[in-house]
């Protein structure tokens, strides 16, 4: 899980201590790794999937970082980017890299997101 806010400046603010408790629990129970940047991911040993659920303005950069990090399939939360032009550029980058990009609505109660989390 890549979480720059709660692992950085937001660690002591509202929600920070609760996030830290959950992260510690997830690490000890499931071996979940928490880092602050896509660049900190290790080289993948098998196909890697990414779920991008960030600020819309950050999504074009995050998509490119995920492609560079070896992700083969990327689930992008809508609307995906601030402008149609940026979405078209993102589509072009993904096609050139042979990456599958899926777009949808990441609501934590959605069955497909819940099933993905259970599988992971």
Foldseek 3Di string as FASTA:
>chain_A
DADQQLVPVNLPPVPNVVVVVVVVVCCVPPVDDYHHDLVPDDQDPDAAEEEDDDPQQCQLVVLVSCLVSRHQEYEYEPPRHPDPVSVVVSVVVCVVSNHHYHYDHDDPVDPVNVVVVVVD
